[in-house]
Amino acid sequence: MTLRRLVRCVRRDEGQSLGPELMLLLVVALAAWGFLSWLGRLNSTAQDLENTAQSAARAASQASNPIDARAAAGRAVSASNISTPCTAEPALAMSWTPGPTGTWRGGSVMVTLTCSVDNAEPITSAGRTISATDTQVIDRFTVAP
């Protein structure tokens, strides 16, 4: 009789409801992981855009005039691989403030990059536009060509 009772206790599956809870936990964990990866991609693209804006502003600040500065900033943006997360090449806007003598040297140059990211996710819109701005002091001691 004890053997029969032991067999009956082993066959009972009372309290075995762990499967549905684990499945629900898995679904919630996957949704959280997807959301965090989406935020990570957006943050990574914004940081890449900041770095590219800084590089472009530094390249522009080392040029000898505003025309060459614009070209140098454009080359710096093209040399970066920022167009990978963006839908197209970032829009480049450059402005400069004259130095104490009213000329290019000693002033500051400001570069703004604007990028449209195609992050078509089910919970978001079709895309997001991010921008980054950096200002650098124009190098006074650059040798003019």
N, C-alpha and C. Protein backbone atom coordinates (compact mmCIF):
# COMPACT_ATOMS: atom_id res chain seq x y z
N MET A 1 0.80 -1.18 0.00
CA MET A 1 0.00 0.00 0.00
C MET A 1 0.86 1.26 0.00
N THR A 2 1.94 1.20 0.63
CA THR A 2 2.80 2.38 0.63
C THR A 2 3.40 2.63 -0.74
N LEU A 3 3.68 1.58 -1.48
CA LEU A 3 4.22 1.76 -2.83
C LEU A 3 3.19 2.40 -3.74
N ARG A 4 1.94 1.97 -3.59
CA ARG A 4 0.87 2.54 -4.40
C ARG A 4 0.68 4.02 -4.07
N ARG A 5 0.73 4.39 -2.84
CA ARG A 5 0.60 5.78 -2.43
C ARG A 5 1.77 6.61 -2.96
N LEU A 6 2.96 6.05 -2.97
CA LEU A 6 4.14 6.74 -3.47
C LEU A 6 4.02 7.00 -4.96
N VAL A 7 3.54 6.02 -5.71
CA VAL A 7 3.37 6.17 -7.15
C VAL A 7 2.33 7.24 -7.44
N ARG A 8 1.26 7.26 -6.65
CA ARG A 8 0.21 8.24 -6.86
C ARG A 8 0.71 9.66 -6.56
N CYS A 9 1.55 9.82 -5.59
CA CYS A 9 2.10 11.14 -5.26
C CYS A 9 3.03 11.64 -6.34
N VAL A 10 3.75 10.75 -6.95
CA VAL A 10 4.70 11.14 -7.99
C VAL A 10 3.95 11.57 -9.24
N ARG A 11 2.83 10.97 -9.52
CA ARG A 11 2.10 11.28 -10.73
C ARG A 11 1.30 12.56 -10.64
N ARG A 12 1.05 13.06 -9.49
CA ARG A 12 0.27 14.30 -9.38
C ARG A 12 1.06 15.47 -9.96
N ASP A 13 0.37 16.34 -10.65
CA ASP A 13 1.05 17.52 -11.17
C ASP A 13 0.45 18.80 -10.59
N GLU A 14 0.07 18.75 -9.36
CA GLU A 14 -0.38 19.94 -8.66
C GLU A 14 0.82 20.85 -8.42
N GLY A 15 0.64 22.12 -8.63
CA GLY A 15 1.72 23.06 -8.39
C GLY A 15 2.72 23.14 -9.53
N GLN A 16 2.40 22.58 -10.67
CA GLN A 16 3.31 22.61 -11.81
C GLN A 16 2.90 23.68 -12.81
N SER A 17 2.61 24.87 -12.35
CA SER A 17 2.17 25.95 -13.25
C SER A 17 3.31 26.91 -13.58
N LEU A 18 4.53 26.44 -13.54
CA LEU A 18 5.68 27.29 -13.81
C LEU A 18 5.83 27.58 -15.30
N GLY A 19 5.39 26.73 -16.16
CA GLY A 19 5.52 26.91 -17.60
C GLY A 19 4.89 28.18 -18.14
N PRO A 20 3.61 28.46 -17.86
CA PRO A 20 2.99 29.68 -18.37
C PRO A 20 3.63 30.96 -17.82
N GLU A 21 4.05 30.94 -16.55
CA GLU A 21 4.69 32.14 -16.00
C GLU A 21 6.03 32.40 -16.67
N LEU A 22 6.77 31.33 -16.93
CA LEU A 22 8.05 31.51 -17.61
C LEU A 22 7.86 32.00 -19.04
N MET A 23 6.81 31.55 -19.71
CA MET A 23 6.54 32.02 -21.06
C MET A 23 6.19 33.50 -21.06
N LEU A 24 5.40 33.94 -20.10
CA LEU A 24 5.06 35.34 -19.97
C LEU A 24 6.30 36.17 -19.66
N LEU A 25 7.15 35.66 -18.78
CA LEU A 25 8.40 36.35 -18.45
C LEU A 25 9.30 36.46 -19.67
N LEU A 26 9.34 35.44 -20.50
CA LEU A 26 10.14 35.46 -21.72
C LEU A 26 9.64 36.53 -22.69
N VAL A 27 8.34 36.62 -22.85
CA VAL A 27 7.76 37.63 -23.75
C VAL A 27 8.07 39.04 -23.25
N VAL A 28 7.94 39.28 -21.96
CA VAL A 28 8.24 40.60 -21.39
C VAL A 28 9.73 40.91 -21.54
N ALA A 29 10.59 39.92 -21.31
CA ALA A 29 12.04 40.13 -21.44
C ALA A 29 12.42 40.44 -22.88
N LEU A 30 11.83 39.76 -23.84
CA LEU A 30 12.12 40.04 -25.25
C LEU A 30 11.65 41.43 -25.66
N ALA A 31 10.49 41.86 -25.18
CA ALA A 31 10.00 43.20 -25.48
C ALA A 31 10.92 44.26 -24.88
N ALA A 32 11.37 44.04 -23.66
CA ALA A 32 12.29 45.00 -23.02
C ALA A 32 13.62 45.03 -23.75
N TRP A 33 14.11 43.89 -24.17
CA TRP A 33 15.37 43.83 -24.90
C TRP A 33 15.26 44.57 -26.24
N GLY A 34 14.16 44.41 -26.94
CA GLY A 34 13.93 45.13 -28.20
C GLY A 34 13.88 46.63 -28.00
N PHE A 35 13.20 47.07 -26.95
CA PHE A 35 13.11 48.50 -26.67
C PHE A 35 14.47 49.08 -26.32
N LEU A 36 15.22 48.38 -25.48
CA LEU A 36 16.55 48.87 -25.10
C LEU A 36 17.52 48.88 -26.27
N SER A 37 17.42 47.92 -27.17
CA SER A 37 18.29 47.93 -28.35
C SER A 37 17.93 49.08 -29.28
N TRP A 38 16.65 49.41 -29.40
CA TRP A 38 16.23 50.55 -30.20
C TRP A 38 16.78 51.85 -29.62
N LEU A 39 16.68 52.01 -28.30
CA LEU A 39 17.25 53.20 -27.67
C LEU A 39 18.77 53.23 -27.83
N GLY A 40 19.41 52.10 -27.75
CA GLY A 40 20.86 52.04 -27.92
C GLY A 40 21.30 52.45 -29.31
N ARG A 41 20.56 52.00 -30.33
CA ARG A 41 20.91 52.39 -31.70
C ARG A 41 20.74 53.89 -31.89
N LEU A 42 19.68 54.45 -31.35
CA LEU A 42 19.44 55.89 -31.48
C LEU A 42 20.51 56.68 -30.75
N ASN A 43 20.90 56.24 -29.56
CA ASN A 43 21.94 56.92 -28.80
C ASN A 43 23.29 56.80 -29.49
N SER A 44 23.58 55.64 -30.05
CA SER A 44 24.85 55.44 -30.76
C SER A 44 24.94 56.34 -31.99
N THR A 45 23.86 56.47 -32.72
CA THR A 45 23.85 57.34 -33.90
C THR A 45 24.03 58.80 -33.49
N ALA A 46 23.39 59.22 -32.41
CA ALA A 46 23.55 60.59 -31.94
C ALA A 46 24.99 60.86 -31.52
N GLN A 47 25.63 59.89 -30.86
CA GLN A 47 27.02 60.07 -30.45
C GLN A 47 27.95 60.11 -31.66
N ASP A 48 27.69 59.26 -32.65
CA ASP A 48 28.49 59.30 -33.88
C ASP A 48 28.36 60.64 -34.59
N LEU A 49 27.15 61.19 -34.58
CA LEU A 49 26.92 62.48 -35.21
C LEU A 49 27.65 63.59 -34.45
N GLU A 50 27.66 63.53 -33.12
CA GLU A 50 28.42 64.51 -32.32
C GLU A 50 29.91 64.44 -32.65
N ASN A 51 30.45 63.24 -32.72
CA ASN A 51 31.87 63.07 -33.03
C ASN A 51 32.20 63.58 -34.43
N THR A 52 31.33 63.33 -35.38
CA THR A 52 31.57 63.79 -36.74
C THR A 52 31.49 65.31 -36.82
N ALA A 53 30.55 65.91 -36.09
CA ALA A 53 30.45 67.38 -36.07
C ALA A 53 31.72 67.99 -35.47
N GLN A 54 32.24 67.36 -34.44
CA GLN A 54 33.47 67.87 -33.83
C GLN A 54 34.65 67.75 -34.80
N SER A 55 34.76 66.64 -35.49
CA SER A 55 35.83 66.46 -36.47
C SER A 55 35.71 67.46 -37.61
N ALA A 56 34.50 67.67 -38.08
CA ALA A 56 34.28 68.62 -39.18
C ALA A 56 34.61 70.05 -38.74
N ALA A 57 34.22 70.42 -37.53
CA ALA A 57 34.53 71.76 -37.03
C ALA A 57 36.03 71.95 -36.84
N ARG A 58 36.70 70.92 -36.37
CA ARG A 58 38.16 71.02 -36.20
C ARG A 58 38.85 71.14 -37.54
N ALA A 59 38.41 70.36 -38.52
CA ALA A 59 39.00 70.46 -39.86
C ALA A 59 38.75 71.84 -40.46
N ALA A 60 37.57 72.40 -40.23
CA ALA A 60 37.26 73.73 -40.75
C ALA A 60 38.09 74.80 -40.05
N SER A 61 38.36 74.62 -38.77
CA SER A 61 39.12 75.64 -38.02
C SER A 61 40.58 75.69 -38.43
N GLN A 62 41.07 74.68 -39.08
CA GLN A 62 42.46 74.66 -39.51
C GLN A 62 42.66 75.16 -40.93
N ALA A 63 41.58 75.52 -41.59
CA ALA A 63 41.67 76.03 -42.97
C ALA A 63 42.07 77.51 -42.94
N SER A 64 42.51 77.99 -44.10
CA SER A 64 43.01 79.36 -44.17
C SER A 64 41.94 80.39 -44.53
N ASN A 65 40.78 79.96 -44.99
CA ASN A 65 39.69 80.89 -45.31
C ASN A 65 38.35 80.15 -45.23
N PRO A 66 37.25 80.89 -45.23
CA PRO A 66 35.94 80.24 -45.07
C PRO A 66 35.58 79.26 -46.19
N ILE A 67 36.02 79.52 -47.41
CA ILE A 67 35.68 78.63 -48.53
C ILE A 67 36.40 77.29 -48.35
N ASP A 68 37.70 77.36 -48.02
CA ASP A 68 38.44 76.12 -47.77
C ASP A 68 37.92 75.41 -46.52
N ALA A 69 37.45 76.18 -45.55
CA ALA A 69 36.91 75.59 -44.32
C ALA A 69 35.67 74.77 -44.61
N ARG A 70 34.79 75.29 -45.45
CA ARG A 70 33.57 74.56 -45.81
C ARG A 70 33.91 73.27 -46.52
N ALA A 71 34.90 73.34 -47.42
CA ALA A 71 35.33 72.14 -48.15
C ALA A 71 35.96 71.12 -47.19
N ALA A 72 36.77 71.60 -46.25
CA ALA A 72 37.41 70.69 -45.29
C ALA A 72 36.38 70.03 -44.39
N ALA A 73 35.37 70.77 -43.98
CA ALA A 73 34.30 70.19 -43.16
C ALA A 73 33.54 69.14 -43.96
N GLY A 74 33.27 69.42 -45.21
CA GLY A 74 32.59 68.44 -46.06
C GLY A 74 33.40 67.17 -46.26
N ARG A 75 34.72 67.32 -46.41
CA ARG A 75 35.57 66.14 -46.55
C ARG A 75 35.60 65.32 -45.26
N ALA A 76 35.59 66.00 -44.12
CA ALA A 76 35.58 65.29 -42.84
C ALA A 76 34.28 64.50 -42.65
N VAL A 77 33.19 65.07 -43.06
CA VAL A 77 31.90 64.36 -42.96
C VAL A 77 31.87 63.18 -43.91
N SER A 78 32.39 63.37 -45.12
CA SER A 78 32.41 62.27 -46.09
C SER A 78 33.34 61.15 -45.66
N ALA A 79 34.44 61.51 -44.99
CA ALA A 79 35.40 60.49 -44.54
C ALA A 79 34.84 59.65 -43.40
N SER A 80 33.93 60.21 -42.64
CA SER A 80 33.32 59.42 -41.56
C SER A 80 32.30 58.47 -42.20
N ASN A 81 31.92 57.47 -41.47
CA ASN A 81 30.96 56.51 -41.98
C ASN A 81 29.57 56.80 -41.41
N ILE A 82 29.27 58.06 -41.21
CA ILE A 82 28.02 58.46 -40.56
C ILE A 82 26.80 58.21 -41.45
N SER A 83 27.00 58.08 -42.75
CA SER A 83 25.84 57.86 -43.62
C SER A 83 25.26 56.45 -43.48
N THR A 84 25.96 55.55 -42.75
CA THR A 84 25.43 54.21 -42.57
C THR A 84 24.14 54.21 -41.73
N PRO A 85 24.13 54.80 -40.52
CA PRO A 85 22.85 54.79 -39.80
C PRO A 85 21.86 55.83 -40.33
N CYS A 86 22.36 56.86 -41.00
CA CYS A 86 21.47 57.89 -41.54
C CYS A 86 20.90 57.43 -42.87
N THR A 87 19.78 58.00 -43.25
CA THR A 87 19.17 57.62 -44.51
C THR A 87 19.94 58.18 -45.70
N ALA A 88 20.64 59.29 -45.49
CA ALA A 88 21.45 59.91 -46.54
C ALA A 88 22.63 60.63 -45.88
N GLU A 89 23.45 61.26 -46.69
CA GLU A 89 24.58 62.04 -46.15
C GLU A 89 24.00 63.15 -45.27
N PRO A 90 24.57 63.37 -44.09
CA PRO A 90 24.05 64.42 -43.20
C PRO A 90 24.14 65.81 -43.84
N ALA A 91 23.16 66.65 -43.55
CA ALA A 91 23.18 68.03 -44.03
C ALA A 91 24.19 68.81 -43.19
N LEU A 92 25.05 69.57 -43.87
CA LEU A 92 26.12 70.30 -43.21
C LEU A 92 25.84 71.79 -43.32
N ALA A 93 25.83 72.47 -42.18
CA ALA A 93 25.69 73.93 -42.14
C ALA A 93 26.88 74.48 -41.37
N MET A 94 27.54 75.48 -41.95
CA MET A 94 28.71 76.06 -41.30
C MET A 94 28.54 77.57 -41.21
N SER A 95 28.86 78.11 -40.06
CA SER A 95 28.87 79.56 -39.88
C SER A 95 30.13 79.91 -39.11
N TRP A 96 30.56 81.15 -39.22
CA TRP A 96 31.77 81.56 -38.52
C TRP A 96 31.63 82.96 -38.00
N THR A 97 32.36 83.22 -36.93
CA THR A 97 32.39 84.53 -36.29
C THR A 97 33.80 85.09 -36.49
N PRO A 98 33.94 86.34 -36.96
CA PRO A 98 35.27 86.89 -37.18
C PRO A 98 36.05 87.08 -35.88
N GLY A 99 37.37 87.10 -36.04
CA GLY A 99 38.26 87.29 -34.89
C GLY A 99 38.31 88.75 -34.46
N PRO A 100 39.21 89.08 -33.55
CA PRO A 100 39.32 90.45 -33.03
C PRO A 100 39.66 91.48 -34.10
N THR A 101 40.34 91.06 -35.14
CA THR A 101 40.71 91.99 -36.21
C THR A 101 39.65 92.07 -37.30
N GLY A 102 38.58 91.32 -37.15
CA GLY A 102 37.52 91.33 -38.15
C GLY A 102 37.77 90.40 -39.31
N THR A 103 38.78 89.56 -39.21
CA THR A 103 39.11 88.62 -40.28
C THR A 103 38.84 87.19 -39.83
N TRP A 104 39.17 86.27 -40.70
CA TRP A 104 38.98 84.85 -40.43
C TRP A 104 39.79 84.37 -39.24
N ARG A 105 41.03 84.74 -39.16
CA ARG A 105 41.93 84.25 -38.11
C ARG A 105 41.51 84.75 -36.73
N GLY A 106 41.50 83.82 -35.79
CA GLY A 106 41.17 84.16 -34.41
C GLY A 106 39.70 84.12 -34.08
N GLY A 107 38.87 83.87 -35.06
CA GLY A 107 37.43 83.78 -34.81
C GLY A 107 37.04 82.38 -34.39
N SER A 108 35.80 82.03 -34.62
CA SER A 108 35.33 80.68 -34.32
C SER A 108 34.44 80.20 -35.46
N VAL A 109 34.44 78.91 -35.63
CA VAL A 109 33.64 78.29 -36.67
C VAL A 109 32.68 77.30 -36.00
N MET A 110 31.44 77.30 -36.45
CA MET A 110 30.42 76.42 -35.90
C MET A 110 29.87 75.54 -37.02
N VAL A 111 29.89 74.24 -36.79
CA VAL A 111 29.40 73.27 -37.76
C VAL A 111 28.19 72.55 -37.15
N THR A 112 27.12 72.48 -37.91
CA THR A 112 25.91 71.77 -37.49
C THR A 112 25.61 70.68 -38.51
N LEU A 113 25.45 69.47 -38.03
CA LEU A 113 25.08 68.34 -38.87
C LEU A 113 23.67 67.90 -38.51
N THR A 114 22.87 67.64 -39.52
CA THR A 114 21.51 67.15 -39.32
C THR A 114 21.35 65.86 -40.10
N CYS A 115 20.82 64.86 -39.43
CA CYS A 115 20.73 63.52 -40.01
C CYS A 115 19.33 62.96 -39.75
N SER A 116 18.78 62.32 -40.74
CA SER A 116 17.49 61.64 -40.59
C SER A 116 17.75 60.14 -40.45
N VAL A 117 17.30 59.57 -39.35
CA VAL A 117 17.51 58.15 -39.07
C VAL A 117 16.23 57.41 -39.40
N ASP A 118 16.36 56.35 -40.19
CA ASP A 118 15.21 55.54 -40.55
C ASP A 118 15.06 54.44 -39.52
N ASN A 119 14.32 54.71 -38.47
CA ASN A 119 14.09 53.71 -37.42
C ASN A 119 12.63 53.30 -37.42
N ALA A 120 12.20 52.72 -38.52
CA ALA A 120 10.81 52.31 -38.66
C ALA A 120 10.53 51.12 -37.76
N GLU A 121 10.09 51.40 -36.57
CA GLU A 121 9.74 50.37 -35.60
C GLU A 121 8.22 50.38 -35.45
N PRO A 122 7.65 49.28 -34.98
CA PRO A 122 6.19 49.23 -34.85
C PRO A 122 5.62 50.27 -33.88
N ILE A 123 6.41 50.68 -32.87
CA ILE A 123 5.87 51.59 -31.87
C ILE A 123 6.26 53.05 -32.10
N THR A 124 7.01 53.32 -33.16
CA THR A 124 7.46 54.69 -33.41
C THR A 124 7.02 55.16 -34.77
N SER A 125 7.37 56.38 -35.07
CA SER A 125 7.06 56.93 -36.38
C SER A 125 8.04 56.38 -37.41
N ALA A 126 7.94 56.86 -38.62
CA ALA A 126 8.76 56.34 -39.71
C ALA A 126 10.22 56.75 -39.59
N GLY A 127 10.55 57.77 -38.86
CA GLY A 127 11.94 58.20 -38.76
C GLY A 127 12.10 59.30 -37.73
N ARG A 128 13.33 59.63 -37.47
CA ARG A 128 13.64 60.66 -36.48
C ARG A 128 14.79 61.49 -37.02
N THR A 129 14.75 62.79 -36.81
CA THR A 129 15.82 63.68 -37.23
C THR A 129 16.61 64.10 -36.00
N ILE A 130 17.92 63.91 -36.07
CA ILE A 130 18.80 64.33 -34.98
C ILE A 130 19.84 65.28 -35.54
N SER A 131 20.35 66.14 -34.68
CA SER A 131 21.38 67.08 -35.13
C SER A 131 22.43 67.24 -34.04
N ALA A 132 23.60 67.69 -34.47
CA ALA A 132 24.72 67.92 -33.55
C ALA A 132 25.45 69.17 -34.01
N THR A 133 25.91 69.96 -33.04
CA THR A 133 26.62 71.20 -33.33
C THR A 133 27.91 71.22 -32.53
N ASP A 134 28.97 71.71 -33.16
CA ASP A 134 30.23 71.88 -32.46
C ASP A 134 30.88 73.17 -32.92
N THR A 135 31.53 73.86 -31.99
CA THR A 135 32.22 75.12 -32.28
C THR A 135 33.69 74.96 -31.94
N GLN A 136 34.55 75.42 -32.83
CA GLN A 136 36.00 75.38 -32.63
C GLN A 136 36.57 76.76 -32.91
N VAL A 137 37.62 77.09 -32.20
CA VAL A 137 38.33 78.35 -32.42
C VAL A 137 39.19 78.19 -33.66
N ILE A 138 39.14 79.20 -34.53
CA ILE A 138 39.94 79.16 -35.76
C ILE A 138 41.39 79.36 -35.40
N ASP A 139 42.23 78.50 -35.90
CA ASP A 139 43.65 78.52 -35.58
C ASP A 139 44.31 79.78 -36.16
N ARG A 140 44.87 80.61 -35.29
CA ARG A 140 45.51 81.85 -35.72
C ARG A 140 46.84 81.62 -36.42
N PHE A 141 47.45 80.52 -36.14
CA PHE A 141 48.82 80.32 -36.60
C PHE A 141 48.94 79.35 -37.77
N THR A 142 47.84 79.13 -38.46
CA THR A 142 47.88 78.31 -39.66
C THR A 142 48.60 79.09 -40.75
N VAL A 143 49.50 78.44 -41.44
CA VAL A 143 50.25 79.09 -42.49
C VAL A 143 49.36 79.21 -43.71
N ALA A 144 49.20 80.40 -44.19
CA ALA A 144 48.38 80.63 -45.38
C ALA A 144 49.11 80.10 -46.61
N PRO A 145 48.40 79.54 -47.57
CA PRO A 145 49.05 79.00 -48.78
C PRO A 145 49.61 80.09 -49.67
